[in-house]
Amino acid sequence: MMINVKACKVGNSISISIPKQYHVEAGSEYVVYKSKNGGLIFTPKIENPFLSDEPFPKDEDEVWQTIAKEEIEKNV
């Protein structure tokens, strides 16, 4: 389902409302990327997993575990 939203000026910033059906909690933090065609991609902000020696939770994708191990080995 596609939902249209409108950018609004709020103080010195531009704001886009997120419809409640997306269940985004107030105060959630996101990293924003701008694509070459001007599209915006919002990704939830997470702690850098490469800065920790703790193993990934068992439900994480095995590919990410492999990438993390490679990154750690590069920085040792």
Protein backbone atom coordinates (compact mmCIF):
# COMPACT_ATOMS: atom_id res chain seq x y z
CA MET A 1 0.00 0.00 0.00
CA MET A 2 1.36 3.42 -0.93
CA ILE A 3 0.62 6.38 1.32
CA ASN A 4 1.33 9.97 0.33
CA VAL A 5 2.78 12.34 2.93
CA LYS A 6 3.60 16.03 2.66
CA ALA A 7 6.73 17.81 3.87
CA CYS A 8 5.97 20.77 6.17
CA LYS A 9 8.14 23.57 7.51
CA VAL A 10 8.64 23.38 11.29
CA GLY A 11 10.90 26.17 12.53
CA ASN A 12 14.11 26.00 10.46
CA SER A 13 13.55 22.35 9.51
CA ILE A 14 11.35 20.36 7.17
CA SER A 15 9.21 17.62 8.75
CA ILE A 16 7.45 14.61 7.27
CA SER A 17 4.72 12.93 9.33
CA ILE A 18 4.88 9.15 9.59
CA PRO A 19 1.41 7.55 9.50
CA LYS A 20 0.55 5.62 12.70
CA GLN A 21 0.06 2.32 10.84
CA TYR A 22 3.88 2.13 10.56
CA HIS A 23 4.11 1.90 14.36
CA VAL A 24 7.09 4.25 14.76
CA GLU A 25 7.59 5.30 18.37
CA ALA A 26 8.22 8.95 19.23
CA GLY A 27 11.91 9.47 19.92
CA SER A 28 13.04 6.70 17.54
CA GLU A 29 16.31 7.55 15.80
CA TYR A 30 17.05 6.92 12.15
CA VAL A 31 19.98 7.30 9.78
CA VAL A 32 18.94 9.01 6.54
CA TYR A 33 20.43 8.32 3.13
CA LYS A 34 19.69 10.32 0.00
CA SER A 35 19.76 8.40 -3.28
CA LYS A 36 20.98 9.82 -6.57
CA ASN A 37 17.40 10.37 -7.73
CA GLY A 38 16.51 12.33 -4.57
CA GLY A 39 14.75 9.49 -2.73
CA LEU A 40 15.18 9.35 1.05
CA ILE A 41 15.83 6.09 2.86
CA PHE A 42 15.33 5.99 6.63
CA THR A 43 17.04 3.15 8.47
CA PRO A 44 16.75 2.59 12.24
CA LYS A 45 19.91 3.74 14.02
CA ILE A 46 21.73 0.86 15.70
CA GLU A 47 24.88 0.58 17.75
CA ASN A 48 27.95 -0.36 15.71
CA PRO A 49 28.11 -4.17 16.07
CA PHE A 50 31.77 -4.16 15.02
CA LEU A 51 32.84 -2.37 18.21
CA SER A 52 31.79 -5.27 20.46
CA ASP A 53 33.27 -8.70 21.10
CA GLU A 54 29.83 -10.02 22.11
CA PRO A 55 28.38 -12.67 19.79
CA PHE A 56 25.34 -11.80 17.71
CA PRO A 57 21.98 -13.08 18.99
CA LYS A 58 21.09 -16.47 17.53
CA ASP A 59 18.29 -15.04 15.40
CA GLU A 60 20.67 -12.73 13.46
CA ASP A 61 21.47 -13.56 9.87
CA GLU A 62 24.63 -15.66 9.46
CA VAL A 63 25.86 -13.31 6.73
CA TRP A 64 26.13 -10.43 9.22
CA GLN A 65 28.13 -12.63 11.58
CA THR A 66 30.60 -13.39 8.81
CA ILE A 67 30.90 -9.70 7.89
CA ALA A 68 31.46 -8.76 11.54
CA LYS A 69 34.20 -11.36 11.98
CA GLU A 70 35.96 -10.10 8.83
CA GLU A 71 35.77 -6.49 10.04
CA ILE A 72 37.11 -7.40 13.49
CA GLU A 73 39.99 -9.35 11.96
CA LYS A 74 40.89 -6.33 9.77
CA ASN A 75 41.08 -4.05 12.82
CA VAL A 76 43.07 -6.37 15.13
